[in-house]
Amino acid sequence: MTTGNEAWVAADCFVGPGVKIGSNAVIGACSSVFSDIPPAQVCWGAPCAPRYERKCELTS
């Protein structure tokens, strides 16, 4: 498993070998990830799938 910067993987997830999770992606609890996850996506399920784009706001 490889995770990009600022990626989150919630509790009780299965992530398959060699899977890449993109930067700023979020994997919801109890998800099963079998394929690569694109950057900046909120994903969950079994199998895990992108549900919507994660919008990150910069604060100064």
C-alpha atoms as a PDB file:
ATOM      1  CA  MET A   1       0.000   0.000   0.000  1.00  0.00           C
ATOM      2  CA  THR A   2       1.209   3.482  -0.860  1.00  0.00           C
ATOM      3  CA  THR A   3      -0.521   6.620   0.404  1.00  0.00           C
ATOM      4  CA  GLY A   4      -0.112  10.152  -0.891  1.00  0.00           C
ATOM      5  CA  ASN A   5       0.282  13.238   1.272  1.00  0.00           C
ATOM      6  CA  GLU A   6      -2.692  14.133   3.494  1.00  0.00           C
ATOM      7  CA  ALA A   7      -4.544  10.873   2.682  1.00  0.00           C
ATOM      8  CA  TRP A   8      -6.733   9.382   5.413  1.00  0.00           C
ATOM      9  CA  VAL A   9      -7.620   5.730   5.925  1.00  0.00           C
ATOM     10  CA  ALA A  10     -10.328   5.209   8.562  1.00  0.00           C
ATOM     11  CA  ALA A  11     -10.638   2.346  11.042  1.00  0.00           C
ATOM     12  CA  ASP A  12     -11.268  -1.294  10.120  1.00  0.00           C
ATOM     13  CA  CYS A  13     -10.356  -0.977   6.417  1.00  0.00           C
ATOM     14  CA  PHE A  14      -8.816  -3.639   4.213  1.00  0.00           C
ATOM     15  CA  VAL A  15      -6.356  -2.307   1.629  1.00  0.00           C
ATOM     16  CA  GLY A  16      -5.043  -4.829  -0.871  1.00  0.00           C
ATOM     17  CA  PRO A  17      -1.354  -5.272  -1.665  1.00  0.00           C
ATOM     18  CA  GLY A  18       0.107  -2.765  -4.115  1.00  0.00           C
ATOM     19  CA  VAL A  19      -2.861  -0.377  -3.916  1.00  0.00           C
ATOM     20  CA  LYS A  20      -2.056   3.336  -4.287  1.00  0.00           C
ATOM     21  CA  ILE A  21      -4.178   5.897  -2.456  1.00  0.00           C
ATOM     22  CA  GLY A  22      -3.866   9.369  -3.973  1.00  0.00           C
ATOM     23  CA  SER A  23      -2.982  12.574  -2.146  1.00  0.00           C
ATOM     24  CA  ASN A  24      -5.829  14.122  -0.109  1.00  0.00           C
ATOM     25  CA  ALA A  25      -8.038  11.033  -0.569  1.00  0.00           C
ATOM     26  CA  VAL A  26     -10.243   9.765   2.266  1.00  0.00           C
ATOM     27  CA  ILE A  27     -11.183   6.105   2.733  1.00  0.00           C
ATOM     28  CA  GLY A  28     -14.280   5.581   4.890  1.00  0.00           C
ATOM     29  CA  ALA A  29     -14.492   3.148   7.796  1.00  0.00           C
ATOM     30  CA  CYS A  30     -14.935  -0.575   7.092  1.00  0.00           C
ATOM     31  CA  SER A  31     -14.080  -0.172   3.392  1.00  0.00           C
ATOM     32  CA  SER A  32     -12.364  -2.792   1.231  1.00  0.00           C
ATOM     33  CA  VAL A  33      -9.931  -1.206  -1.230  1.00  0.00           C
ATOM     34  CA  PHE A  34      -8.885  -3.488  -4.100  1.00  0.00           C
ATOM     35  CA  SER A  35      -7.797  -0.926  -6.725  1.00  0.00           C
ATOM     36  CA  ASP A  36      -6.009   2.430  -6.860  1.00  0.00           C
ATOM     37  CA  ILE A  37      -7.862   5.470  -5.516  1.00  0.00           C
ATOM     38  CA  PRO A  38      -7.500   8.798  -7.362  1.00  0.00           C
ATOM     39  CA  PRO A  39      -6.309  11.949  -5.557  1.00  0.00           C
ATOM     40  CA  ALA A  40      -8.765  14.206  -3.700  1.00  0.00           C
ATOM     41  CA  GLN A  41     -11.668  11.722  -3.606  1.00  0.00           C
ATOM     42  CA  VAL A  42     -13.861  10.666  -0.692  1.00  0.00           C
ATOM     43  CA  CYS A  43     -14.413   6.917  -1.060  1.00  0.00           C
ATOM     44  CA  TRP A  44     -16.121   4.114   0.830  1.00  0.00           C
ATOM     45  CA  GLY A  45     -17.746   0.744   0.392  1.00  0.00           C
ATOM     46  CA  ALA A  46     -16.980  -2.885  -0.351  1.00  0.00           C
ATOM     47  CA  PRO A  47     -15.574  -2.610  -2.907  1.00  0.00           C
ATOM     48  CA  CYS A  48     -14.423   0.920  -2.203  1.00  0.00           C
ATOM     49  CA  ALA A  49     -15.433   3.492  -4.841  1.00  0.00           C
ATOM     50  CA  PRO A  50     -15.143   7.295  -5.167  1.00  0.00           C
ATOM     51  CA  ARG A  51     -18.335   9.057  -4.017  1.00  0.00           C
ATOM     52  CA  TYR A  52     -17.419  12.737  -4.380  1.00  0.00           C
ATOM     53  CA  GLU A  53     -14.463  15.102  -4.675  1.00  0.00           C
ATOM     54  CA  ARG A  54     -12.741  16.268  -1.506  1.00  0.00           C
ATOM     55  CA  LYS A  55     -12.448  20.032  -1.578  1.00  0.00           C
ATOM     56  CA  CYS A  56      -9.584  21.325   0.531  1.00  0.00           C
ATOM     57  CA  GLU A  57      -9.543  24.977   1.473  1.00  0.00           C
ATOM     58  CA  LEU A  58      -6.300  26.743   2.226  1.00  0.00           C
ATOM     59  CA  THR A  59      -6.330  28.986   5.269  1.00  0.00           C
ATOM     60  CA  SER A  60      -3.809  31.651   6.029  1.00  0.00           C
END
